[in-house]
Every structure is written in C-alpha cells, then in structure tokens.
Amino acid sequence: MRAALHLEALKLSRATTARAASLIVVLLVPAMSAAFLAVVRADTGSVLASKVGALLVDTGWGGITGFAAQITSVGALLAVGVVICWVFGREFTDKTFGALFATPTPRGSIAAAKLIVVVVWGFALSAVAAALTLVAGMLIGLGAPDAAAWAGAWRVLVVGVLTVLLTLPFALVASAARGYLAGVSALLGLVVVTQIVVALGAGAWFPYASPGLWSGLGGPQLADEVTVPQLLLALPVGVAAAAATWWWWRNAKVQ
C-alpha cells in the first residue's frame, strides 16, 4: 500500500492536469475574490458592481471570504473533478489497466491509493486557497485578519472539503466507463442538473448545491437557510462513492 501511495502521489505531482487544476484553485480563487470585492468597493455604479454586490454580506473580510467560498464551490468541483476523472480513467485510455493484474499490489489497494492521494491533494488546495484569500484581503487594504476573516476562511475550507468529497462519484464513472471522458461528461452534466434543481427550489437538500448555497451563491438569505445536516450530505455521498470505486477495481476484469 505504501508503494502504491508513493507512486500515485508521484504521478499526480508530475501531471500537467493536476498542476493546472492546482493553479486554478489556489490562485484564481483569491485573485477573483479580491478583484470582485475591489469592484464593489470602488462603487462605480457599473452593471458588474451591482450584480456582484447582490452576493455580498459586507465589503470587508466577510465579502472577500464569501466570494472565495462561492468560487471554490464551483471551481474546486470542476478542477478536482476533472483530475479525479483523469486519475482513474487514464489507466484505460493509456491501455495500462491490464498490466495492473501482473503487479504484486492488489487492484483494490491501487484504487484506495488513488482516492487517498486525490482527496489529500484536494483538501490541501482548499486550505491554501483559504490562506491566500486572507493574503489577498490584506493586499487590497482590508487590514489584519480579524474574527470575521478567520470565520470566513474556515467557511472557504469547509466548502472546499465538502466539494472535494463530492467529486468522488466521478472516479466510479470514469472507472466503470473505462475512460476519463465519460467522467468529465458526467461532471459537466451534473453542473447543469444542479442549476435546474436550485431553480426548482430544492437545492438545499441536493448535495451538489448545498455547499454553494451555504457559501452565498443564492444570496445571503438562502445561505442562512442551509442547515448542517444538508451540508453533511456530502459525507455519505463521498464515502459511498469511494467504497463503490474500491469494490469495482477489486473485482474488475480485463476487457
């Protein structure tokens, strides 16, 4: 198992896909958050400022961390989701899955190593994004982080962690479909479905919508209505997907 973890971590660290996703989450999240808040604070009366202002709780630390949480709920889902599809689908696209039957490491252990590495990487990205959001806030003149800043950074981290867990079902899709493109297609389709569910008013109980609503994507009122049980629906989704993916790899046959 240790060898599998080392190998999967090495492959992820050298993958262009993972590097691009890392930059998107850790740099784009704080940069966009700071830019949006700067537009609102400038009070130019532009259309962008009015639209962005509707999502704000305030124009201080709560504003920039709120933006960061909202962007993370979408950006992390897409970035980490694409990477997890690649991690599990590349063995089939590159025609290396059959060779895994000749290795001393069980395929279930390989799948577990892939899951652990991607989840740890995703959690780390969320933590870095939250920290850099505080740095970005100081750079645009918000001063030293206060209690509201740390609470907002915690929200960014929680949204990131929940979102990473919600990407795990795409590992199963990419594995069962024997290719990462199917997983990416399912990811994009789910984004559309999420928008429809939110429009119908059932977003709080839909695992893929509740973190985004809690972060403020639907406005401050909807954010306050999201409950802890609704947020925690991401946990059984992630755990069930991880278990199903492990079972599939353990019992898969060469085609």
C-alpha atoms as a PDB file:
ATOM      1  CA  MET A   1       0.000   0.000   0.000  1.00  0.00           C
ATOM      2  CA  ARG A   2       2.853   2.381   0.826  1.00  0.00           C
ATOM      3  CA  ALA A   3       4.381   1.800  -2.595  1.00  0.00           C
ATOM      4  CA  ALA A   4       1.040   2.477  -4.278  1.00  0.00           C
ATOM      5  CA  LEU A   5       0.611   5.717  -2.346  1.00  0.00           C
ATOM      6  CA  HIS A   6       4.104   6.863  -3.295  1.00  0.00           C
ATOM      7  CA  LEU A   7       3.567   6.043  -6.971  1.00  0.00           C
ATOM      8  CA  GLU A   8       0.170   7.738  -7.183  1.00  0.00           C
ATOM      9  CA  ALA A   9       1.480  10.829  -5.402  1.00  0.00           C
ATOM     10  CA  LEU A  10       4.420  10.954  -7.809  1.00  0.00           C
ATOM     11  CA  LYS A  11       2.151  10.629 -10.859  1.00  0.00           C
ATOM     12  CA  LEU A  12      -0.164  13.338  -9.578  1.00  0.00           C
ATOM     13  CA  SER A  13       2.679  15.738  -8.812  1.00  0.00           C
ATOM     14  CA  ARG A  14       4.055  15.392 -12.342  1.00  0.00           C
ATOM     15  CA  ALA A  15       0.731  15.562 -14.172  1.00  0.00           C
ATOM     16  CA  THR A  16       0.055  18.717 -16.152  1.00  0.00           C
ATOM     17  CA  THR A  17      -3.665  18.286 -15.493  1.00  0.00           C
ATOM     18  CA  ALA A  18      -3.138  18.328 -11.728  1.00  0.00           C
ATOM     19  CA  ARG A  19      -0.758  21.277 -11.891  1.00  0.00           C
ATOM     20  CA  ALA A  20      -3.224  23.336 -13.912  1.00  0.00           C
ATOM     21  CA  ALA A  21      -6.049  22.452 -11.518  1.00  0.00           C
ATOM     22  CA  SER A  22      -3.884  23.416  -8.557  1.00  0.00           C
ATOM     23  CA  LEU A  23      -3.184  26.843 -10.016  1.00  0.00           C
ATOM     24  CA  ILE A  24      -6.866  27.382 -10.758  1.00  0.00           C
ATOM     25  CA  VAL A  25      -7.903  26.693  -7.173  1.00  0.00           C
ATOM     26  CA  VAL A  26      -5.092  28.294  -5.177  1.00  0.00           C
ATOM     27  CA  LEU A  27      -4.542  31.370  -7.361  1.00  0.00           C
ATOM     28  CA  LEU A  28      -7.783  32.038  -9.208  1.00  0.00           C
ATOM     29  CA  VAL A  29      -9.987  31.780  -6.112  1.00  0.00           C
ATOM     30  CA  PRO A  30      -8.245  34.514  -4.054  1.00  0.00           C
ATOM     31  CA  ALA A  31      -7.461  36.651  -7.126  1.00  0.00           C
ATOM     32  CA  MET A  32     -11.052  36.695  -8.389  1.00  0.00           C
ATOM     33  CA  SER A  33     -12.391  37.261  -4.876  1.00  0.00           C
ATOM     34  CA  ALA A  34     -10.133  40.265  -4.377  1.00  0.00           C
ATOM     35  CA  ALA A  35     -10.987  41.629  -7.827  1.00  0.00           C
ATOM     36  CA  PHE A  36     -14.744  41.322  -7.289  1.00  0.00           C
ATOM     37  CA  LEU A  37     -14.555  42.984  -3.885  1.00  0.00           C
ATOM     38  CA  ALA A  38     -12.390  45.779  -5.308  1.00  0.00           C
ATOM     39  CA  VAL A  39     -15.035  46.441  -7.978  1.00  0.00           C
ATOM     40  CA  VAL A  40     -17.772  46.738  -5.347  1.00  0.00           C
ATOM     41  CA  ARG A  41     -15.657  48.894  -3.037  1.00  0.00           C
ATOM     42  CA  ALA A  42     -14.860  51.233  -5.929  1.00  0.00           C
ATOM     43  CA  ASP A  43     -18.613  51.947  -6.150  1.00  0.00           C
ATOM     44  CA  THR A  44     -18.540  52.745  -9.880  1.00  0.00           C
ATOM     45  CA  GLY A  45     -22.224  52.012 -10.390  1.00  0.00           C
ATOM     46  CA  SER A  46     -21.409  49.547 -13.168  1.00  0.00           C
ATOM     47  CA  VAL A  47     -23.579  46.560 -14.041  1.00  0.00           C
ATOM     48  CA  LEU A  48     -20.868  44.200 -12.789  1.00  0.00           C
ATOM     49  CA  ALA A  49     -20.662  46.014  -9.463  1.00  0.00           C
ATOM     50  CA  SER A  50     -24.429  45.823  -8.952  1.00  0.00           C
ATOM     51  CA  LYS A  51     -24.587  42.117  -9.799  1.00  0.00           C
ATOM     52  CA  VAL A  52     -21.613  41.221  -7.651  1.00  0.00           C
ATOM     53  CA  GLY A  53     -22.861  43.399  -4.805  1.00  0.00           C
ATOM     54  CA  ALA A  54     -26.048  41.335  -4.586  1.00  0.00           C
ATOM     55  CA  LEU A  55     -23.953  38.378  -3.394  1.00  0.00           C
ATOM     56  CA  LEU A  56     -22.104  40.339  -0.714  1.00  0.00           C
ATOM     57  CA  VAL A  57     -22.647  40.185   3.023  1.00  0.00           C
ATOM     58  CA  ASP A  58     -20.392  43.202   3.523  1.00  0.00           C
ATOM     59  CA  THR A  59     -17.500  44.967   1.804  1.00  0.00           C
ATOM     60  CA  GLY A  60     -14.885  43.833   4.317  1.00  0.00           C
ATOM     61  CA  TRP A  61     -13.473  40.454   5.244  1.00  0.00           C
ATOM     62  CA  GLY A  62     -16.893  38.831   5.051  1.00  0.00           C
ATOM     63  CA  GLY A  63     -17.108  39.985   1.443  1.00  0.00           C
ATOM     64  CA  ILE A  64     -13.818  38.611   0.150  1.00  0.00           C
ATOM     65  CA  THR A  65     -14.087  35.306   2.018  1.00  0.00           C
ATOM     66  CA  GLY A  66     -17.695  34.980   0.893  1.00  0.00           C
ATOM     67  CA  PHE A  67     -16.637  35.389  -2.715  1.00  0.00           C
ATOM     68  CA  ALA A  68     -13.828  32.869  -2.188  1.00  0.00           C
ATOM     69  CA  ALA A  69     -16.241  30.280  -0.790  1.00  0.00           C
ATOM     70  CA  GLN A  70     -18.630  30.791  -3.709  1.00  0.00           C
ATOM     71  CA  ILE A  71     -15.894  30.448  -6.317  1.00  0.00           C
ATOM     72  CA  THR A  72     -14.484  27.411  -4.505  1.00  0.00           C
ATOM     73  CA  SER A  73     -17.853  25.642  -4.572  1.00  0.00           C
ATOM     74  CA  VAL A  74     -17.783  25.720  -8.379  1.00  0.00           C
ATOM     75  CA  GLY A  75     -14.071  25.919  -9.186  1.00  0.00           C
ATOM     76  CA  ALA A  76     -12.991  23.077  -6.916  1.00  0.00           C
ATOM     77  CA  LEU A  77     -15.775  20.829  -8.205  1.00  0.00           C
ATOM     78  CA  LEU A  78     -14.657  21.310 -11.805  1.00  0.00           C
ATOM     79  CA  ALA A  79     -10.894  21.337 -11.183  1.00  0.00           C
ATOM     80  CA  VAL A  80     -10.714  18.411  -8.760  1.00  0.00           C
ATOM     81  CA  GLY A  81     -13.464  16.572 -10.643  1.00  0.00           C
ATOM     82  CA  VAL A  82     -11.504  16.660 -13.905  1.00  0.00           C
ATOM     83  CA  VAL A  83      -8.360  15.477 -12.125  1.00  0.00           C
ATOM     84  CA  ILE A  84     -10.089  12.555 -10.415  1.00  0.00           C
ATOM     85  CA  CYS A  85     -11.575  11.511 -13.758  1.00  0.00           C
ATOM     86  CA  TRP A  86      -8.086  11.598 -15.250  1.00  0.00           C
ATOM     87  CA  VAL A  87      -6.524   9.690 -12.339  1.00  0.00           C
ATOM     88  CA  PHE A  88      -8.987   6.809 -12.653  1.00  0.00           C
ATOM     89  CA  GLY A  89      -9.595   6.917 -16.391  1.00  0.00           C
ATOM     90  CA  ARG A  90      -6.054   7.210 -17.701  1.00  0.00           C
ATOM     91  CA  GLU A  91      -5.285   3.546 -16.928  1.00  0.00           C
ATOM     92  CA  PHE A  92      -7.844   2.599 -19.578  1.00  0.00           C
ATOM     93  CA  THR A  93      -7.097   5.374 -22.065  1.00  0.00           C
ATOM     94  CA  ASP A  94      -3.359   4.605 -21.909  1.00  0.00           C
ATOM     95  CA  LYS A  95      -4.048   0.834 -22.087  1.00  0.00           C
ATOM     96  CA  THR A  96      -2.199   0.141 -18.814  1.00  0.00           C
ATOM     97  CA  PHE A  97      -5.072  -1.327 -16.812  1.00  0.00           C
ATOM     98  CA  GLY A  98      -4.293  -4.894 -17.888  1.00  0.00           C
ATOM     99  CA  ALA A  99      -0.722  -4.568 -16.644  1.00  0.00           C
ATOM    100  CA  LEU A 100      -2.014  -3.909 -13.124  1.00  0.00           C
ATOM    101  CA  PHE A 101      -3.087  -7.566 -12.905  1.00  0.00           C
ATOM    102  CA  ALA A 102       0.594  -8.552 -13.003  1.00  0.00           C
ATOM    103  CA  THR A 103       1.687  -6.294 -10.140  1.00  0.00           C
ATOM    104  CA  PRO A 104       2.032  -7.571  -6.555  1.00  0.00           C
ATOM    105  CA  THR A 105      -0.130  -4.707  -5.267  1.00  0.00           C
ATOM    106  CA  PRO A 106      -3.846  -5.631  -5.282  1.00  0.00           C
ATOM    107  CA  ARG A 107      -6.022  -3.504  -7.530  1.00  0.00           C
ATOM    108  CA  GLY A 108      -8.177  -2.557  -4.563  1.00  0.00           C
ATOM    109  CA  SER A 109      -5.104  -1.104  -2.878  1.00  0.00           C
ATOM    110  CA  ILE A 110      -4.241   0.813  -6.038  1.00  0.00           C
ATOM    111  CA  ALA A 111      -7.741   2.309  -6.131  1.00  0.00           C
ATOM    112  CA  ALA A 112      -7.532   3.187  -2.435  1.00  0.00           C
ATOM    113  CA  ALA A 113      -4.174   4.875  -3.002  1.00  0.00           C
ATOM    114  CA  LYS A 114      -5.600   6.915  -5.868  1.00  0.00           C
ATOM    115  CA  LEU A 115      -8.533   8.021  -3.725  1.00  0.00           C
ATOM    116  CA  ILE A 116      -6.375   8.956  -0.742  1.00  0.00           C
ATOM    117  CA  VAL A 117      -3.871  10.930  -2.822  1.00  0.00           C
ATOM    118  CA  VAL A 118      -6.534  12.908  -4.683  1.00  0.00           C
ATOM    119  CA  VAL A 119      -8.551  13.647  -1.543  1.00  0.00           C
ATOM    120  CA  VAL A 120      -5.497  14.794   0.437  1.00  0.00           C
ATOM    121  CA  TRP A 121      -4.410  16.936  -2.521  1.00  0.00           C
ATOM    122  CA  GLY A 122      -7.880  18.460  -2.796  1.00  0.00           C
ATOM    123  CA  PHE A 123      -8.054  19.207   0.924  1.00  0.00           C
ATOM    124  CA  ALA A 124      -4.612  20.835   0.759  1.00  0.00           C
ATOM    125  CA  LEU A 125      -5.698  23.030  -2.156  1.00  0.00           C
ATOM    126  CA  SER A 126      -8.724  24.184  -0.170  1.00  0.00           C
ATOM    127  CA  ALA A 127      -6.546  25.107   2.806  1.00  0.00           C
ATOM    128  CA  VAL A 128      -4.063  27.016   0.640  1.00  0.00           C
ATOM    129  CA  ALA A 129      -6.885  28.842  -1.177  1.00  0.00           C
ATOM    130  CA  ALA A 130      -8.363  29.912   2.170  1.00  0.00           C
ATOM    131  CA  ALA A 131      -4.975  31.151   3.414  1.00  0.00           C
ATOM    132  CA  LEU A 132      -4.191  33.047   0.209  1.00  0.00           C
ATOM    133  CA  THR A 133      -7.615  34.690   0.353  1.00  0.00           C
ATOM    134  CA  LEU A 134      -6.559  36.272   3.631  1.00  0.00           C
ATOM    135  CA  VAL A 135      -3.325  37.415   1.994  1.00  0.00           C
ATOM    136  CA  ALA A 136      -5.290  38.878  -0.916  1.00  0.00           C
ATOM    137  CA  GLY A 137      -7.528  40.733   1.511  1.00  0.00           C
ATOM    138  CA  MET A 138      -4.553  42.355   3.162  1.00  0.00           C
ATOM    139  CA  LEU A 139      -3.127  43.313  -0.219  1.00  0.00           C
ATOM    140  CA  ILE A 140      -6.283  45.228  -1.184  1.00  0.00           C
ATOM    141  CA  GLY A 141      -6.308  47.128   2.086  1.00  0.00           C
ATOM    142  CA  LEU A 142      -8.591  45.208   4.443  1.00  0.00           C
ATOM    143  CA  GLY A 143      -6.006  45.295   7.206  1.00  0.00           C
ATOM    144  CA  ALA A 144      -5.026  42.471   9.542  1.00  0.00           C
ATOM    145  CA  PRO A 145      -7.420  39.482   9.600  1.00  0.00           C
ATOM    146  CA  ASP A 146      -9.998  39.765  12.363  1.00  0.00           C
ATOM    147  CA  ALA A 147     -12.527  37.293  13.749  1.00  0.00           C
ATOM    148  CA  ALA A 148     -14.739  37.704  10.684  1.00  0.00           C
ATOM    149  CA  ALA A 149     -11.775  36.973   8.424  1.00  0.00           C
ATOM    150  CA  TRP A 150     -10.883  33.735  10.202  1.00  0.00           C
ATOM    151  CA  ALA A 151     -14.521  32.641  10.253  1.00  0.00           C
ATOM    152  CA  GLY A 152     -14.756  33.345   6.521  1.00  0.00           C
ATOM    153  CA  ALA A 153     -11.539  31.453   5.815  1.00  0.00           C
ATOM    154  CA  TRP A 154     -12.953  28.499   7.751  1.00  0.00           C
ATOM    155  CA  ARG A 155     -16.044  28.621   5.534  1.00  0.00           C
ATOM    156  CA  VAL A 156     -13.856  28.543   2.427  1.00  0.00           C
ATOM    157  CA  LEU A 157     -12.066  25.480   3.792  1.00  0.00           C
ATOM    158  CA  VAL A 158     -15.304  23.673   4.700  1.00  0.00           C
ATOM    159  CA  VAL A 159     -16.803  24.365   1.268  1.00  0.00           C
ATOM    160  CA  GLY A 160     -13.608  23.093  -0.346  1.00  0.00           C
ATOM    161  CA  VAL A 161     -13.531  19.896   1.708  1.00  0.00           C
ATOM    162  CA  LEU A 162     -17.195  19.119   1.021  1.00  0.00           C
ATOM    163  CA  THR A 163     -16.730  19.822  -2.675  1.00  0.00           C
ATOM    164  CA  VAL A 164     -13.731  17.502  -2.897  1.00  0.00           C
ATOM    165  CA  LEU A 165     -15.793  14.699  -1.341  1.00  0.00           C
ATOM    166  CA  LEU A 166     -18.499  15.330  -3.925  1.00  0.00           C
ATOM    167  CA  THR A 167     -16.040  14.659  -6.771  1.00  0.00           C
ATOM    168  CA  LEU A 168     -15.526  11.032  -5.705  1.00  0.00           C
ATOM    169  CA  PRO A 169     -18.511   9.615  -7.638  1.00  0.00           C
ATOM    170  CA  PHE A 170     -16.761  10.634 -10.850  1.00  0.00           C
ATOM    171  CA  ALA A 171     -13.966   8.213 -10.010  1.00  0.00           C
ATOM    172  CA  LEU A 172     -16.524   5.423 -10.231  1.00  0.00           C
ATOM    173  CA  VAL A 173     -17.960   6.776 -13.501  1.00  0.00           C
ATOM    174  CA  ALA A 174     -14.514   7.033 -15.110  1.00  0.00           C
ATOM    175  CA  SER A 175     -13.655   3.518 -13.912  1.00  0.00           C
ATOM    176  CA  ALA A 176     -16.895   1.823 -14.942  1.00  0.00           C
ATOM    177  CA  ALA A 177     -16.911   3.602 -18.317  1.00  0.00           C
ATOM    178  CA  ARG A 178     -13.188   2.789 -18.723  1.00  0.00           C
ATOM    179  CA  GLY A 179     -12.122   6.285 -19.686  1.00  0.00           C
ATOM    180  CA  TYR A 180     -11.867   9.788 -18.243  1.00  0.00           C
ATOM    181  CA  LEU A 181     -14.008  11.451 -20.916  1.00  0.00           C
ATOM    182  CA  ALA A 182     -17.135   9.739 -19.608  1.00  0.00           C
ATOM    183  CA  GLY A 183     -16.360  11.028 -16.137  1.00  0.00           C
ATOM    184  CA  VAL A 184     -15.824  14.577 -17.377  1.00  0.00           C
ATOM    185  CA  SER A 185     -19.082  14.406 -19.323  1.00  0.00           C
ATOM    186  CA  ALA A 186     -20.918  13.255 -16.194  1.00  0.00           C
ATOM    187  CA  LEU A 187     -19.324  16.110 -14.251  1.00  0.00           C
ATOM    188  CA  LEU A 188     -20.488  18.722 -16.725  1.00  0.00           C
ATOM    189  CA  GLY A 189     -23.938  17.165 -16.867  1.00  0.00           C
ATOM    190  CA  LEU A 190     -24.230  17.293 -13.099  1.00  0.00           C
ATOM    191  CA  VAL A 191     -23.387  21.001 -13.103  1.00  0.00           C
ATOM    192  CA  VAL A 192     -26.384  21.558 -15.393  1.00  0.00           C
ATOM    193  CA  VAL A 193     -28.630  19.356 -13.250  1.00  0.00           C
ATOM    194  CA  THR A 194     -27.567  21.271 -10.143  1.00  0.00           C
ATOM    195  CA  GLN A 195     -28.654  24.548 -11.712  1.00  0.00           C
ATOM    196  CA  ILE A 196     -32.056  23.061 -12.530  1.00  0.00           C
ATOM    197  CA  VAL A 197     -32.528  21.677  -9.010  1.00  0.00           C
ATOM    198  CA  VAL A 198     -31.649  25.052  -7.484  1.00  0.00           C
ATOM    199  CA  ALA A 199     -34.076  26.813  -9.819  1.00  0.00           C
ATOM    200  CA  LEU A 200     -36.810  24.431  -8.656  1.00  0.00           C
ATOM    201  CA  GLY A 201     -36.135  25.374  -5.044  1.00  0.00           C
ATOM    202  CA  ALA A 202     -34.744  22.035  -3.846  1.00  0.00           C
ATOM    203  CA  GLY A 203     -31.083  22.992  -3.830  1.00  0.00           C
ATOM    204  CA  ALA A 204     -30.539  22.881  -0.068  1.00  0.00           C
ATOM    205  CA  TRP A 205     -31.227  19.134   0.011  1.00  0.00           C
ATOM    206  CA  PHE A 206     -29.188  18.427  -3.120  1.00  0.00           C
ATOM    207  CA  PRO A 207     -25.606  17.583  -2.052  1.00  0.00           C
ATOM    208  CA  TYR A 208     -24.028  19.262  -5.068  1.00  0.00           C
ATOM    209  CA  ALA A 209     -25.912  22.513  -4.472  1.00  0.00           C
ATOM    210  CA  SER A 210     -25.926  22.943  -0.691  1.00  0.00           C
ATOM    211  CA  PRO A 211     -22.239  23.976  -0.266  1.00  0.00           C
ATOM    212  CA  GLY A 212     -22.631  26.622  -2.970  1.00  0.00           C
ATOM    213  CA  LEU A 213     -25.853  27.944  -1.467  1.00  0.00           C
ATOM    214  CA  TRP A 214     -24.268  27.999   2.002  1.00  0.00           C
ATOM    215  CA  SER A 215     -21.360  29.989   0.588  1.00  0.00           C
ATOM    216  CA  GLY A 216     -23.799  32.627  -0.667  1.00  0.00           C
ATOM    217  CA  LEU A 217     -24.262  31.827  -4.363  1.00  0.00           C
ATOM    218  CA  GLY A 218     -28.019  32.150  -3.964  1.00  0.00           C
ATOM    219  CA  GLY A 219     -27.769  35.264  -1.845  1.00  0.00           C
ATOM    220  CA  PRO A 220     -27.422  35.840   1.931  1.00  0.00           C
ATOM    221  CA  GLN A 221     -30.991  34.728   2.705  1.00  0.00           C
ATOM    222  CA  LEU A 222     -30.619  31.285   1.134  1.00  0.00           C
ATOM    223  CA  ALA A 223     -27.197  30.902   2.736  1.00  0.00           C
ATOM    224  CA  ASP A 224     -28.733  31.317   6.191  1.00  0.00           C
ATOM    225  CA  GLU A 225     -31.386  28.693   5.438  1.00  0.00           C
ATOM    226  CA  VAL A 226     -28.907  25.880   4.663  1.00  0.00           C
ATOM    227  CA  THR A 227     -28.610  23.576   7.687  1.00  0.00           C
ATOM    228  CA  VAL A 228     -25.728  21.429   8.931  1.00  0.00           C
ATOM    229  CA  PRO A 229     -27.481  18.111   8.031  1.00  0.00           C
ATOM    230  CA  GLN A 230     -27.945  19.386   4.480  1.00  0.00           C
ATOM    231  CA  LEU A 231     -24.254  20.263   4.213  1.00  0.00           C
ATOM    232  CA  LEU A 232     -23.198  16.921   5.661  1.00  0.00           C
ATOM    233  CA  LEU A 233     -24.972  15.029   2.880  1.00  0.00           C
ATOM    234  CA  ALA A 234     -21.654  15.300   1.053  1.00  0.00           C
ATOM    235  CA  LEU A 235     -20.115  12.842   3.537  1.00  0.00           C
ATOM    236  CA  PRO A 236     -22.244   9.756   2.719  1.00  0.00           C
ATOM    237  CA  VAL A 237     -22.016  10.603  -0.992  1.00  0.00           C
ATOM    238  CA  GLY A 238     -18.220  10.650  -0.840  1.00  0.00           C
ATOM    239  CA  VAL A 239     -17.893   7.580   1.377  1.00  0.00           C
ATOM    240  CA  ALA A 240     -20.316   5.517  -0.718  1.00  0.00           C
ATOM    241  CA  ALA A 241     -18.590   6.531  -3.946  1.00  0.00           C
ATOM    242  CA  ALA A 242     -15.160   5.678  -2.548  1.00  0.00           C
ATOM    243  CA  ALA A 243     -16.356   2.258  -1.360  1.00  0.00           C
ATOM    244  CA  ALA A 244     -18.035   1.514  -4.691  1.00  0.00           C
ATOM    245  CA  THR A 245     -14.928   2.560  -6.621  1.00  0.00           C
ATOM    246  CA  TRP A 246     -12.722   0.356  -4.444  1.00  0.00           C
ATOM    247  CA  TRP A 247     -15.095  -2.595  -4.971  1.00  0.00           C
ATOM    248  CA  TRP A 248     -15.161  -2.042  -8.735  1.00  0.00           C
ATOM    249  CA  TRP A 249     -11.374  -2.006  -9.030  1.00  0.00           C
ATOM    250  CA  ARG A 250     -11.058  -5.044  -6.790  1.00  0.00           C
ATOM    251  CA  ASN A 251     -13.436  -7.080  -8.962  1.00  0.00           C
ATOM    252  CA  ALA A 252     -12.878  -5.598 -12.438  1.00  0.00           C
ATOM    253  CA  LYS A 253     -11.885  -7.830 -15.339  1.00  0.00           C
ATOM    254  CA  VAL A 254      -9.745  -7.095 -18.352  1.00  0.00           C
ATOM    255  CA  GLN A 255     -11.800  -6.483 -21.496  1.00  0.00           C
END
